[in-house]
Amino acid sequence: MLGTGQMLAGSHLADGLLSTSPLDLVWRGDISSFPSSGLETPRGFKVSPADSYSLLMEARPGISGEWACYHDRNSYYWAFVAGKKEEEAGLYAVRRGVAVNGTTGEIEDHPAVQAVQPPSVM
């Protein structure tokens, strides 16, 4: 299991699915208990983890449950991760979560979702 500050990029699940940027866990827990201070802002970011949380809550009022926040070199990635292992949670956050740009604070839903064509049936 990965802890705070450990990288996901070397896992088998991450191979080929993440950008070349390492993905670090910022925080995981009940979204209502997110700490308002004490989390380090990643190098090069202007948006703190607390600010990214505030932006998420503005964009998604009323969310609840177990959430996680990850970051790479550019963005924070937030996702509902109840029942997911750390490796799955990180990938899920990048692929299906809410991204908050670490410099501008701009929010993007489902940042890495790619269109998937269903298999053709002959």
PDB file of N, CA and C in Angstrom:
ATOM      1  N   MET A   1       0.847  -1.181   0.000  1.00  0.00           N
ATOM      2  CA  MET A   1       0.000   0.000   0.000  1.00  0.00           C
ATOM      3  C   MET A   1       0.889   1.240   0.000  1.00  0.00           C
ATOM      4  N   LEU A   2       0.543   2.209  -0.804  1.00  0.00           N
ATOM      5  CA  LEU A   2       1.339   3.430  -0.898  1.00  0.00           C
ATOM      6  C   LEU A   2       0.954   4.400   0.197  1.00  0.00           C
ATOM      7  N   GLY A   3       1.911   5.122   0.690  1.00  0.00           N
ATOM      8  CA  GLY A   3       1.650   6.146   1.689  1.00  0.00           C
ATOM      9  C   GLY A   3       1.853   7.514   1.085  1.00  0.00           C
ATOM     10  N   THR A   4       1.638   8.527   1.901  1.00  0.00           N
ATOM     11  CA  THR A   4       1.807   9.895   1.440  1.00  0.00           C
ATOM     12  C   THR A   4       3.206  10.094   0.894  1.00  0.00           C
ATOM     13  N   GLY A   5       3.284  10.676  -0.280  1.00  0.00           N
ATOM     14  CA  GLY A   5       4.567  10.987  -0.882  1.00  0.00           C
ATOM     15  C   GLY A   5       5.195   9.850  -1.661  1.00  0.00           C
ATOM     16  N   GLN A   6       4.587   8.671  -1.659  1.00  0.00           N
ATOM     17  CA  GLN A   6       5.149   7.576  -2.431  1.00  0.00           C
ATOM     18  C   GLN A   6       4.614   7.631  -3.852  1.00  0.00           C
ATOM     19  N   MET A   7       5.429   7.174  -4.774  1.00  0.00           N
ATOM     20  CA  MET A   7       5.086   7.306  -6.179  1.00  0.00           C
ATOM     21  C   MET A   7       4.328   6.089  -6.681  1.00  0.00           C
ATOM     22  N   LEU A   8       3.347   6.340  -7.542  1.00  0.00           N
ATOM     23  CA  LEU A   8       2.563   5.297  -8.161  1.00  0.00           C
ATOM     24  C   LEU A   8       3.119   4.935  -9.523  1.00  0.00           C
ATOM     25  N   ALA A   9       3.904   5.817 -10.098  1.00  0.00           N
ATOM     26  CA  ALA A   9       4.310   5.658 -11.491  1.00  0.00           C
ATOM     27  C   ALA A   9       5.042   4.357 -11.771  1.00  0.00           C
ATOM     28  N   GLY A  10       5.667   3.733 -10.807  1.00  0.00           N
ATOM     29  CA  GLY A  10       6.400   2.510 -11.050  1.00  0.00           C
ATOM     30  C   GLY A  10       5.557   1.253 -10.985  1.00  0.00           C
ATOM     31  N   SER A  11       4.282   1.348 -10.639  1.00  0.00           N
ATOM     32  CA  SER A  11       3.457   0.158 -10.506  1.00  0.00           C
ATOM     33  C   SER A  11       3.066  -0.397 -11.869  1.00  0.00           C
ATOM     34  N   HIS A  12       2.722  -1.675 -11.900  1.00  0.00           N
ATOM     35  CA  HIS A  12       2.308  -2.304 -13.150  1.00  0.00           C
ATOM     36  C   HIS A  12       1.042  -1.659 -13.701  1.00  0.00           C
ATOM     37  N   LEU A  13       0.124  -1.277 -12.820  1.00  0.00           N
ATOM     38  CA  LEU A  13      -1.112  -0.648 -13.280  1.00  0.00           C
ATOM     39  C   LEU A  13      -0.859   0.677 -13.963  1.00  0.00           C
ATOM     40  N   ALA A  14       0.165   1.377 -13.526  1.00  0.00           N
ATOM     41  CA  ALA A  14       0.422   2.711 -14.066  1.00  0.00           C
ATOM     42  C   ALA A  14       1.123   2.676 -15.414  1.00  0.00           C
ATOM     43  N   ASP A  15       1.800   1.572 -15.728  1.00  0.00           N
ATOM     44  CA  ASP A  15       2.559   1.505 -16.971  1.00  0.00           C
ATOM     45  C   ASP A  15       1.683   1.840 -18.165  1.00  0.00           C
ATOM     46  N   GLY A  16       2.055   2.873 -18.880  1.00  0.00           N
ATOM     47  CA  GLY A  16       1.347   3.246 -20.093  1.00  0.00           C
ATOM     48  C   GLY A  16       0.065   4.018 -19.886  1.00  0.00           C
ATOM     49  N   LEU A  17      -0.373   4.187 -18.646  1.00  0.00           N
ATOM     50  CA  LEU A  17      -1.637   4.877 -18.421  1.00  0.00           C
ATOM     51  C   LEU A  17      -1.459   6.282 -17.880  1.00  0.00           C
ATOM     52  N   LEU A  18      -0.363   6.532 -17.223  1.00  0.00           N
ATOM     53  CA  LEU A  18      -0.117   7.857 -16.671  1.00  0.00           C
ATOM     54  C   LEU A  18       0.869   8.600 -17.544  1.00  0.00           C
ATOM     55  N   SER A  19       0.876   9.888 -17.395  1.00  0.00           N
ATOM     56  CA  SER A  19       1.888  10.681 -18.077  1.00  0.00           C
ATOM     57  C   SER A  19       3.249  10.302 -17.500  1.00  0.00           C
ATOM     58  N   THR A  20       4.291  10.884 -18.040  1.00  0.00           N
ATOM     59  CA  THR A  20       5.626  10.582 -17.537  1.00  0.00           C
ATOM     60  C   THR A  20       5.861  11.205 -16.164  1.00  0.00           C
ATOM     61  N   SER A  21       4.944  12.025 -15.692  1.00  0.00           N
ATOM     62  CA  SER A  21       5.059  12.623 -14.365  1.00  0.00           C
ATOM     63  C   SER A  21       4.704  11.596 -13.301  1.00  0.00           C
ATOM     64  N   PRO A  22       5.474  11.541 -12.216  1.00  0.00           N
ATOM     65  CA  PRO A  22       5.097  10.657 -11.120  1.00  0.00           C
ATOM     66  C   PRO A  22       3.819  11.163 -10.465  1.00  0.00           C
ATOM     67  N   LEU A  23       3.064  10.257  -9.913  1.00  0.00           N
ATOM     68  CA  LEU A  23       1.816  10.593  -9.245  1.00  0.00           C
ATOM     69  C   LEU A  23       2.007  10.358  -7.760  1.00  0.00           C
ATOM     70  N   ASP A  24       1.780  11.390  -6.961  1.00  0.00           N
ATOM     71  CA  ASP A  24       1.961  11.309  -5.515  1.00  0.00           C
ATOM     72  C   ASP A  24       0.632  11.484  -4.804  1.00  0.00           C
ATOM     73  N   LEU A  25       0.439  10.699  -3.755  1.00  0.00           N
ATOM     74  CA  LEU A  25      -0.736  10.834  -2.917  1.00  0.00           C
ATOM     75  C   LEU A  25      -0.574  12.060  -2.029  1.00  0.00           C
ATOM     76  N   VAL A  26      -1.553  12.953  -2.068  1.00  0.00           N
ATOM     77  CA  VAL A  26      -1.568  14.130  -1.198  1.00  0.00           C
ATOM     78  C   VAL A  26      -2.323  13.797   0.081  1.00  0.00           C
ATOM     79  N   TRP A  27      -3.478  13.160  -0.071  1.00  0.00           N
ATOM     80  CA  TRP A  27      -4.352  12.891   1.067  1.00  0.00           C
ATOM     81  C   TRP A  27      -5.416  11.883   0.655  1.00  0.00           C
ATOM     82  N   ARG A  28      -5.888  11.087   1.629  1.00  0.00           N
ATOM     83  CA  ARG A  28      -7.005  10.171   1.401  1.00  0.00           C
ATOM     84  C   ARG A  28      -7.783  10.043   2.695  1.00  0.00           C
ATOM     85  N   GLY A  29      -9.105  10.101   2.596  1.00  0.00           N
ATOM     86  CA  GLY A  29      -9.945   9.953   3.772  1.00  0.00           C
ATOM     87  C   GLY A  29     -11.343  10.457   3.507  1.00  0.00           C
ATOM     88  N   ASP A  30     -12.113  10.611   4.583  1.00  0.00           N
ATOM     89  CA  ASP A  30     -13.463  11.146   4.461  1.00  0.00           C
ATOM     90  C   ASP A  30     -13.358  12.603   4.040  1.00  0.00           C
ATOM     91  N   ILE A  31     -14.028  12.939   2.954  1.00  0.00           N
ATOM     92  CA  ILE A  31     -13.899  14.282   2.366  1.00  0.00           C
ATOM     93  C   ILE A  31     -14.274  15.376   3.360  1.00  0.00           C
ATOM     94  N   SER A  32     -15.170  15.061   4.290  1.00  0.00           N
ATOM     95  CA  SER A  32     -15.582  16.080   5.264  1.00  0.00           C
ATOM     96  C   SER A  32     -14.504  16.352   6.311  1.00  0.00           C
ATOM     97  N   SER A  33     -13.469  15.501   6.376  1.00  0.00           N
ATOM     98  CA  SER A  33     -12.409  15.711   7.365  1.00  0.00           C
ATOM     99  C   SER A  33     -11.095  16.169   6.731  1.00  0.00           C
ATOM    100  N   PHE A  34     -11.162  16.722   5.512  1.00  0.00           N
ATOM    101  CA  PHE A  34      -9.942  17.194   4.858  1.00  0.00           C
ATOM    102  C   PHE A  34      -9.300  18.283   5.714  1.00  0.00           C
ATOM    103  N   PRO A  35      -7.993  18.181   5.985  1.00  0.00           N
ATOM    104  CA  PRO A  35      -7.341  19.194   6.835  1.00  0.00           C
ATOM    105  C   PRO A  35      -7.229  20.541   6.119  1.00  0.00           C
ATOM    106  N   SER A  36      -7.538  21.599   6.829  1.00  0.00           N
ATOM    107  CA  SER A  36      -7.485  22.935   6.223  1.00  0.00           C
ATOM    108  C   SER A  36      -6.060  23.476   6.144  1.00  0.00           C
ATOM    109  N   SER A  37      -5.136  22.818   6.823  1.00  0.00           N
ATOM    110  CA  SER A  37      -3.735  23.249   6.764  1.00  0.00           C
ATOM    111  C   SER A  37      -2.840  22.048   7.044  1.00  0.00           C
ATOM    112  N   GLY A  38      -1.534  22.267   6.870  1.00  0.00           N
ATOM    113  CA  GLY A  38      -0.575  21.232   7.203  1.00  0.00           C
ATOM    114  C   GLY A  38      -0.114  20.370   6.043  1.00  0.00           C
ATOM    115  N   LEU A  39      -0.731  20.509   4.875  1.00  0.00           N
ATOM    116  CA  LEU A  39      -0.286  19.754   3.707  1.00  0.00           C
ATOM    117  C   LEU A  39       0.598  20.643   2.842  1.00  0.00           C
ATOM    118  N   GLU A  40       1.704  20.096   2.403  1.00  0.00           N
ATOM    119  CA  GLU A  40       2.676  20.861   1.627  1.00  0.00           C
ATOM    120  C   GLU A  40       2.200  21.078   0.190  1.00  0.00           C
ATOM    121  N   THR A  41       2.371  22.298  -0.290  1.00  0.00           N
ATOM    122  CA  THR A  41       2.064  22.616  -1.686  1.00  0.00           C
ATOM    123  C   THR A  41       3.191  22.072  -2.557  1.00  0.00           C
ATOM    124  N   PRO A  42       2.853  21.287  -3.576  1.00  0.00           N
ATOM    125  CA  PRO A  42       3.902  20.735  -4.444  1.00  0.00           C
ATOM    126  C   PRO A  42       4.743  21.827  -5.099  1.00  0.00           C
ATOM    127  N   ARG A  43       6.008  21.520  -5.311  1.00  0.00           N
ATOM    128  CA  ARG A  43       6.924  22.471  -5.942  1.00  0.00           C
ATOM    129  C   ARG A  43       6.384  22.886  -7.310  1.00  0.00           C
ATOM    130  N   GLY A  44       6.385  24.195  -7.563  1.00  0.00           N
ATOM    131  CA  GLY A  44       5.921  24.744  -8.829  1.00  0.00           C
ATOM    132  C   GLY A  44       4.435  25.061  -8.866  1.00  0.00           C
ATOM    133  N   PHE A  45       3.681  24.635  -7.857  1.00  0.00           N
ATOM    134  CA  PHE A  45       2.245  24.906  -7.811  1.00  0.00           C
ATOM    135  C   PHE A  45       2.003  26.243  -7.119  1.00  0.00           C
ATOM    136  N   LYS A  46       0.997  26.969  -7.560  1.00  0.00           N
ATOM    137  CA  LYS A  46       0.541  28.179  -6.880  1.00  0.00           C
ATOM    138  C   LYS A  46      -0.689  27.878  -6.033  1.00  0.00           C
ATOM    139  N   VAL A  47      -1.388  26.797  -6.371  1.00  0.00           N
ATOM    140  CA  VAL A  47      -2.605  26.385  -5.676  1.00  0.00           C
ATOM    141  C   VAL A  47      -2.217  25.363  -4.605  1.00  0.00           C
ATOM    142  N   SER A  48      -2.594  25.652  -3.360  1.00  0.00           N
ATOM    143  CA  SER A  48      -2.283  24.733  -2.261  1.00  0.00           C
ATOM    144  C   SER A  48      -3.279  23.569  -2.258  1.00  0.00           C
ATOM    145  N   PRO A  49      -2.971  22.483  -1.550  1.00  0.00           N
ATOM    146  CA  PRO A  49      -3.958  21.410  -1.420  1.00  0.00           C
ATOM    147  C   PRO A  49      -5.283  21.912  -0.831  1.00  0.00           C
ATOM    148  N   ALA A  50      -5.210  22.802   0.163  1.00  0.00           N
ATOM    149  CA  ALA A  50      -6.436  23.345   0.760  1.00  0.00           C
ATOM    150  C   ALA A  50      -7.231  24.161  -0.255  1.00  0.00           C
ATOM    151  N   ASP A  51      -6.529  24.930  -1.094  1.00  0.00           N
ATOM    152  CA  ASP A  51      -7.221  25.696  -2.135  1.00  0.00           C
ATOM    153  C   ASP A  51      -7.849  24.767  -3.170  1.00  0.00           C
ATOM    154  N   SER A  52      -7.150  23.688  -3.526  1.00  0.00           N
ATOM    155  CA  SER A  52      -7.720  22.752  -4.500  1.00  0.00           C
ATOM    156  C   SER A  52      -8.964  22.084  -3.919  1.00  0.00           C
ATOM    157  N   TYR A  53      -8.944  21.795  -2.614  1.00  0.00           N
ATOM    158  CA  TYR A  53     -10.119  21.249  -1.934  1.00  0.00           C
ATOM    159  C   TYR A  53     -11.286  22.237  -2.001  1.00  0.00           C
ATOM    160  N   SER A  54     -11.014  23.512  -1.726  1.00  0.00           N
ATOM    161  CA  SER A  54     -12.067  24.531  -1.787  1.00  0.00           C
ATOM    162  C   SER A  54     -12.660  24.626  -3.188  1.00  0.00           C
ATOM    163  N   LEU A  55     -11.799  24.570  -4.205  1.00  0.00           N
ATOM    164  CA  LEU A  55     -12.279  24.617  -5.589  1.00  0.00           C
ATOM    165  C   LEU A  55     -13.124  23.391  -5.912  1.00  0.00           C
ATOM    166  N   LEU A  56     -12.703  22.223  -5.433  1.00  0.00           N
ATOM    167  CA  LEU A  56     -13.488  21.006  -5.629  1.00  0.00           C
ATOM    168  C   LEU A  56     -14.857  21.139  -4.980  1.00  0.00           C
ATOM    169  N   MET A  57     -14.895  21.642  -3.748  1.00  0.00           N
ATOM    170  CA  MET A  57     -16.163  21.773  -3.026  1.00  0.00           C
ATOM    171  C   MET A  57     -17.090  22.792  -3.677  1.00  0.00           C
ATOM    172  N   GLU A  58     -16.526  23.832  -4.292  1.00  0.00           N
ATOM    173  CA  GLU A  58     -17.350  24.791  -5.036  1.00  0.00           C
ATOM    174  C   GLU A  58     -17.942  24.131  -6.276  1.00  0.00           C
ATOM    175  N   ALA A  59     -17.140  23.307  -6.940  1.00  0.00           N
ATOM    176  CA  ALA A  59     -17.587  22.653  -8.169  1.00  0.00           C
ATOM    177  C   ALA A  59     -18.519  21.476  -7.889  1.00  0.00           C
ATOM    178  N   ARG A  60     -18.346  20.820  -6.762  1.00  0.00           N
ATOM    179  CA  ARG A  60     -19.121  19.626  -6.416  1.00  0.00           C
ATOM    180  C   ARG A  60     -19.684  19.731  -4.998  1.00  0.00           C
ATOM    181  N   PRO A  61     -20.564  20.696  -4.751  1.00  0.00           N
ATOM    182  CA  PRO A  61     -21.110  20.820  -3.394  1.00  0.00           C
ATOM    183  C   PRO A  61     -21.892  19.557  -3.015  1.00  0.00           C
ATOM    184  N   GLY A  62     -21.791  19.191  -1.766  1.00  0.00           N
ATOM    185  CA  GLY A  62     -22.558  18.054  -1.271  1.00  0.00           C
ATOM    186  C   GLY A  62     -21.896  16.700  -1.444  1.00  0.00           C
ATOM    187  N   ILE A  63     -20.664  16.643  -1.948  1.00  0.00           N
ATOM    188  CA  ILE A  63     -20.012  15.345  -2.081  1.00  0.00           C
ATOM    189  C   ILE A  63     -19.685  14.796  -0.701  1.00  0.00           C
ATOM    190  N   SER A  64     -19.619  13.478  -0.612  1.00  0.00           N
ATOM    191  CA  SER A  64     -19.309  12.856   0.672  1.00  0.00           C
ATOM    192  C   SER A  64     -18.592  11.539   0.430  1.00  0.00           C
ATOM    193  N   GLY A  65     -18.138  10.929   1.503  1.00  0.00           N
ATOM    194  CA  GLY A  65     -17.499   9.629   1.417  1.00  0.00           C
ATOM    195  C   GLY A  65     -15.988   9.713   1.355  1.00  0.00           C
ATOM    196  N   GLU A  66     -15.375   8.579   1.014  1.00  0.00           N
ATOM    197  CA  GLU A  66     -13.917   8.474   0.979  1.00  0.00           C
ATOM    198  C   GLU A  66     -13.382   8.981  -0.360  1.00  0.00           C
ATOM    199  N   TRP A  67     -12.599  10.027  -0.294  1.00  0.00           N
ATOM    200  CA  TRP A  67     -11.990  10.635  -1.475  1.00  0.00           C
ATOM    201  C   TRP A  67     -10.479  10.610  -1.324  1.00  0.00           C
ATOM    202  N   ALA A  68      -9.797  10.766  -2.443  1.00  0.00           N
ATOM    203  CA  ALA A  68      -8.338  10.878  -2.424  1.00  0.00           C
ATOM    204  C   ALA A  68      -7.926  12.010  -3.340  1.00  0.00           C
ATOM    205  N   CYS A  69      -6.802  12.606  -3.012  1.00  0.00           N
ATOM    206  CA  CYS A  69      -6.203  13.653  -3.837  1.00  0.00           C
ATOM    207  C   CYS A  69      -4.780  13.229  -4.167  1.00  0.00           C
ATOM    208  N   TYR A  70      -4.462  13.241  -5.448  1.00  0.00           N
ATOM    209  CA  TYR A  70      -3.118  12.947  -5.944  1.00  0.00           C
ATOM    210  C   TYR A  70      -2.633  14.165  -6.710  1.00  0.00           C
ATOM    211  N   HIS A  71      -1.341  14.227  -6.970  1.00  0.00           N
ATOM    212  CA  HIS A  71      -0.830  15.282  -7.847  1.00  0.00           C
ATOM    213  C   HIS A  71       0.289  14.737  -8.705  1.00  0.00           C
ATOM    214  N   ASP A  72       0.437  15.343  -9.883  1.00  0.00           N
ATOM    215  CA  ASP A  72       1.609  15.109 -10.718  1.00  0.00           C
ATOM    216  C   ASP A  72       2.322  16.447 -10.831  1.00  0.00           C
ATOM    217  N   ARG A  73       3.051  16.685 -11.894  1.00  0.00           N
ATOM    218  CA  ARG A  73       3.779  17.956 -12.028  1.00  0.00           C
ATOM    219  C   ARG A  73       2.879  19.149 -12.323  1.00  0.00           C
ATOM    220  N   ASN A  74       1.648  18.890 -12.760  1.00  0.00           N
ATOM    221  CA  ASN A  74       0.784  19.977 -13.212  1.00  0.00           C
ATOM    222  C   ASN A  74      -0.508  20.161 -12.435  1.00  0.00           C
ATOM    223  N   SER A  75      -1.094  19.094 -11.959  1.00  0.00           N
ATOM    224  CA  SER A  75      -2.452  19.168 -11.424  1.00  0.00           C
ATOM    225  C   SER A  75      -2.642  18.294 -10.195  1.00  0.00           C
ATOM    226  N   TYR A  76      -3.705  18.627  -9.465  1.00  0.00           N
ATOM    227  CA  TYR A  76      -4.239  17.755  -8.433  1.00  0.00           C
ATOM    228  C   TYR A  76      -5.325  16.924  -9.099  1.00  0.00           C
ATOM    229  N   TYR A  77      -5.534  15.701  -8.622  1.00  0.00           N
ATOM    230  CA  TYR A  77      -6.592  14.835  -9.131  1.00  0.00           C
ATOM    231  C   TYR A  77      -7.389  14.322  -7.947  1.00  0.00           C
ATOM    232  N   TRP A  78      -8.684  14.639  -7.926  1.00  0.00           N
ATOM    233  CA  TRP A  78      -9.583  14.252  -6.850  1.00  0.00           C
ATOM    234  C   TRP A  78     -10.550  13.195  -7.360  1.00  0.00           C
ATOM    235  N   ALA A  79     -10.830  12.184  -6.523  1.00  0.00           N
ATOM    236  CA  ALA A  79     -11.810  11.168  -6.913  1.00  0.00           C
ATOM    237  C   ALA A  79     -12.372  10.464  -5.687  1.00  0.00           C
ATOM    238  N   PHE A  80     -13.604   9.999  -5.831  1.00  0.00           N
ATOM    239  CA  PHE A  80     -14.245   9.143  -4.843  1.00  0.00           C
ATOM    240  C   PHE A  80     -13.595   7.771  -4.971  1.00  0.00           C
ATOM    241  N   VAL A  81     -12.975   7.280  -3.907  1.00  0.00           N
ATOM    242  CA  VAL A  81     -12.154   6.075  -4.016  1.00  0.00           C
ATOM    243  C   VAL A  81     -12.528   4.969  -3.030  1.00  0.00           C
ATOM    244  N   ALA A  82     -13.713   5.034  -2.453  1.00  0.00           N
ATOM    245  CA  ALA A  82     -14.110   4.012  -1.485  1.00  0.00           C
ATOM    246  C   ALA A  82     -13.979   2.622  -2.104  1.00  0.00           C
ATOM    247  N   GLY A  83     -13.326   1.726  -1.379  1.00  0.00           N
ATOM    248  CA  GLY A  83     -13.179   0.349  -1.829  1.00  0.00           C
ATOM    249  C   GLY A  83     -12.060   0.107  -2.824  1.00  0.00           C
ATOM    250  N   LYS A  84     -11.335   1.151  -3.204  1.00  0.00           N
ATOM    251  CA  LYS A  84     -10.247   0.998  -4.174  1.00  0.00           C
ATOM    252  C   LYS A  84      -8.902   0.932  -3.454  1.00  0.00           C
ATOM    253  N   LYS A  85      -8.018   0.042  -3.926  1.00  0.00           N
ATOM    254  CA  LYS A  85      -6.653  -0.013  -3.410  1.00  0.00           C
ATOM    255  C   LYS A  85      -5.920   1.227  -3.892  1.00  0.00           C
ATOM    256  N   GLU A  86      -4.786   1.534  -3.245  1.00  0.00           N
ATOM    257  CA  GLU A  86      -4.037   2.754  -3.593  1.00  0.00           C
ATOM    258  C   GLU A  86      -3.711   2.835  -5.078  1.00  0.00           C
ATOM    259  N   GLU A  87      -3.225   1.730  -5.660  1.00  0.00           N
ATOM    260  CA  GLU A  87      -2.850   1.749  -7.070  1.00  0.00           C
ATOM    261  C   GLU A  87      -4.053   2.040  -7.956  1.00  0.00           C
ATOM    262  N   GLU A  88      -5.173   1.412  -7.650  1.00  0.00           N
ATOM    263  CA  GLU A  88      -6.397   1.639  -8.413  1.00  0.00           C
ATOM    264  C   GLU A  88      -6.901   3.063  -8.216  1.00  0.00           C
ATOM    265  N   ALA A  89      -6.828   3.535  -6.985  1.00  0.00           N
ATOM    266  CA  ALA A  89      -7.342   4.865  -6.662  1.00  0.00           C
ATOM    267  C   ALA A  89      -6.608   5.951  -7.433  1.00  0.00           C
ATOM    268  N   GLY A  90      -5.292   5.853  -7.522  1.00  0.00           N
ATOM    269  CA  GLY A  90      -4.517   6.849  -8.259  1.00  0.00           C
ATOM    270  C   GLY A  90      -4.873   6.882  -9.726  1.00  0.00           C
ATOM    271  N   LEU A  91      -4.945   5.715 -10.338  1.00  0.00           N
ATOM    272  CA  LEU A  91      -5.317   5.653 -11.754  1.00  0.00           C
ATOM    273  C   LEU A  91      -6.732   6.157 -11.972  1.00  0.00           C
ATOM    274  N   TYR A  92      -7.630   5.769 -11.076  1.00  0.00           N
ATOM    275  CA  TYR A  92      -9.014   6.206 -11.192  1.00  0.00           C
ATOM    276  C   TYR A  92      -9.107   7.726 -11.086  1.00  0.00           C
ATOM    277  N   ALA A  93      -8.363   8.301 -10.157  1.00  0.00           N
ATOM    278  CA  ALA A  93      -8.396   9.761  -9.990  1.00  0.00           C
ATOM    279  C   ALA A  93      -7.935  10.473 -11.254  1.00  0.00           C
ATOM    280  N   VAL A  94      -6.872   9.962 -11.874  1.00  0.00           N
ATOM    281  CA  VAL A  94      -6.365  10.589 -13.097  1.00  0.00           C
ATOM    282  C   VAL A  94      -7.339  10.402 -14.250  1.00  0.00           C
ATOM    283  N   ARG A  95      -7.901   9.208 -14.364  1.00  0.00           N
ATOM    284  CA  ARG A  95      -8.738   8.893 -15.524  1.00  0.00           C
ATOM    285  C   ARG A  95     -10.173   9.376 -15.384  1.00  0.00           C
ATOM    286  N   ARG A  96     -10.723   9.347 -14.168  1.00  0.00           N
ATOM    287  CA  ARG A  96     -12.145   9.631 -13.989  1.00  0.00           C
ATOM    288  C   ARG A  96     -12.456  10.725 -12.979  1.00  0.00           C
ATOM    289  N   GLY A  97     -11.440  11.270 -12.368  1.00  0.00           N
ATOM    290  CA  GLY A  97     -11.663  12.230 -11.304  1.00  0.00           C
ATOM    291  C   GLY A  97     -11.838  13.653 -11.792  1.00  0.00           C
ATOM    292  N   VAL A  98     -11.661  14.556 -10.869  1.00  0.00           N
ATOM    293  CA  VAL A  98     -11.727  15.989 -11.140  1.00  0.00           C
ATOM    294  C   VAL A  98     -10.306  16.523 -11.000  1.00  0.00           C
ATOM    295  N   ALA A  99      -9.798  17.138 -12.059  1.00  0.00           N
ATOM    296  CA  ALA A  99      -8.447  17.706 -12.030  1.00  0.00           C
ATOM    297  C   ALA A  99      -8.531  19.181 -11.678  1.00  0.00           C
ATOM    298  N   VAL A 100      -7.623  19.625 -10.835  1.00  0.00           N
ATOM    299  CA  VAL A 100      -7.491  21.040 -10.507  1.00  0.00           C
ATOM    300  C   VAL A 100      -6.072  21.437 -10.903  1.00  0.00           C
ATOM    301  N   ASN A 101      -5.962  22.346 -11.849  1.00  0.00           N
ATOM    302  CA  ASN A 101      -4.655  22.793 -12.314  1.00  0.00           C
ATOM    303  C   ASN A 101      -3.902  23.424 -11.149  1.00  0.00           C
ATOM    304  N   GLY A 102      -2.673  22.999 -10.920  1.00  0.00           N
ATOM    305  CA  GLY A 102      -1.885  23.465  -9.787  1.00  0.00           C
ATOM    306  C   GLY A 102      -1.392  24.890  -9.903  1.00  0.00           C
ATOM    307  N   THR A 103      -1.459  25.464 -11.103  1.00  0.00           N
ATOM    308  CA  THR A 103      -1.027  26.845 -11.307  1.00  0.00           C
ATOM    309  C   THR A 103      -2.209  27.797 -11.390  1.00  0.00           C
ATOM    310  N   THR A 104      -3.228  27.428 -12.171  1.00  0.00           N
ATOM    311  CA  THR A 104      -4.350  28.337 -12.427  1.00  0.00           C
ATOM    312  C   THR A 104      -5.577  28.073 -11.571  1.00  0.00           C
ATOM    313  N   GLY A 105      -5.712  26.861 -11.038  1.00  0.00           N
ATOM    314  CA  GLY A 105      -6.909  26.502 -10.293  1.00  0.00           C
ATOM    315  C   GLY A 105      -8.071  26.105 -11.184  1.00  0.00           C
ATOM    316  N   GLU A 106      -7.840  26.054 -12.486  1.00  0.00           N
ATOM    317  CA  GLU A 106      -8.897  25.653 -13.421  1.00  0.00           C
ATOM    318  C   GLU A 106      -9.273  24.196 -13.168  1.00  0.00           C
ATOM    319  N   ILE A 107     -10.573  23.915 -13.240  1.00  0.00           N
ATOM    320  CA  ILE A 107     -11.082  22.570 -12.983  1.00  0.00           C
ATOM    321  C   ILE A 107     -11.444  21.896 -14.293  1.00  0.00           C
ATOM    322  N   GLU A 108     -11.089  20.608 -14.379  1.00  0.00           N
ATOM    323  CA  GLU A 108     -11.422  19.800 -15.553  1.00  0.00           C
ATOM    324  C   GLU A 108     -11.974  18.465 -15.067  1.00  0.00           C
ATOM    325  N   ASP A 109     -13.203  18.141 -15.481  1.00  0.00           N
ATOM    326  CA  ASP A 109     -13.783  16.846 -15.135  1.00  0.00           C
ATOM    327  C   ASP A 109     -13.200  15.756 -16.006  1.00  0.00           C
ATOM    328  N   HIS A 110     -13.026  14.587 -15.435  1.00  0.00           N
ATOM    329  CA  HIS A 110     -12.549  13.405 -16.160  1.00  0.00           C
ATOM    330  C   HIS A 110     -11.376  13.755 -17.058  1.00  0.00           C
ATOM    331  N   PRO A 111     -10.252  14.165 -16.487  1.00  0.00           N
ATOM    332  CA  PRO A 111      -9.146  14.706 -17.269  1.00  0.00           C
ATOM    333  C   PRO A 111      -8.543  13.785 -18.308  1.00  0.00           C
ATOM    334  N   ALA A 112      -8.538  12.497 -18.089  1.00  0.00           N
ATOM    335  CA  ALA A 112      -7.852  11.616 -19.034  1.00  0.00           C
ATOM    336  C   ALA A 112      -8.781  10.587 -19.664  1.00  0.00           C
ATOM    337  N   VAL A 113     -10.080  10.859 -19.630  1.00  0.00           N
ATOM    338  CA  VAL A 113     -11.017   9.903 -20.215  1.00  0.00           C
ATOM    339  C   VAL A 113     -10.826   9.879 -21.717  1.00  0.00           C
ATOM    340  N   GLN A 114     -10.707   8.705 -22.240  1.00  0.00           N
ATOM    341  CA  GLN A 114     -10.576   8.546 -23.681  1.00  0.00           C
ATOM    342  C   GLN A 114     -11.805   7.813 -24.184  1.00  0.00           C
ATOM    343  N   ALA A 115     -12.250   8.182 -25.372  1.00  0.00           N
ATOM    344  CA  ALA A 115     -13.403   7.508 -25.961  1.00  0.00           C
ATOM    345  C   ALA A 115     -13.048   6.049 -26.215  1.00  0.00           C
ATOM    346  N   VAL A 116     -13.911   5.173 -25.767  1.00  0.00           N
ATOM    347  CA  VAL A 116     -13.696   3.745 -25.974  1.00  0.00           C
ATOM    348  C   VAL A 116     -14.820   3.229 -26.846  1.00  0.00           C
ATOM    349  N   GLN A 117     -14.462   2.609 -27.942  1.00  0.00           N
ATOM    350  CA  GLN A 117     -15.449   2.047 -28.851  1.00  0.00           C
ATOM    351  C   GLN A 117     -15.810   0.644 -28.381  1.00  0.00           C
ATOM    352  N   PRO A 118     -17.111   0.320 -28.331  1.00  0.00           N
ATOM    353  CA  PRO A 118     -17.473  -1.052 -27.977  1.00  0.00           C
ATOM    354  C   PRO A 118     -17.027  -1.993 -29.088  1.00  0.00           C
ATOM    355  N   PRO A 119     -16.721  -3.233 -28.745  1.00  0.00           N
ATOM    356  CA  PRO A 119     -16.300  -4.165 -29.792  1.00  0.00           C
ATOM    357  C   PRO A 119     -17.439  -4.408 -30.770  1.00  0.00           C
ATOM    358  N   SER A 120     -17.093  -4.554 -32.028  1.00  0.00           N
ATOM    359  CA  SER A 120     -18.129  -4.808 -33.029  1.00  0.00           C
ATOM    360  C   SER A 120     -18.523  -6.275 -32.974  1.00  0.00           C
ATOM    361  N   VAL A 121     -19.790  -6.511 -33.182  1.00  0.00           N
ATOM    362  CA  VAL A 121     -20.312  -7.879 -33.171  1.00  0.00           C
ATOM    363  C   VAL A 121     -20.651  -8.250 -34.596  1.00  0.00           C
ATOM    364  N   MET A 122     -20.114  -9.356 -35.053  1.00  0.00           N
ATOM    365  CA  MET A 122     -20.380  -9.772 -36.433  1.00  0.00           C
ATOM    366  C   MET A 122     -21.379 -10.878 -36.461  1.00  0.00           C
TER     367      MET A 122
END
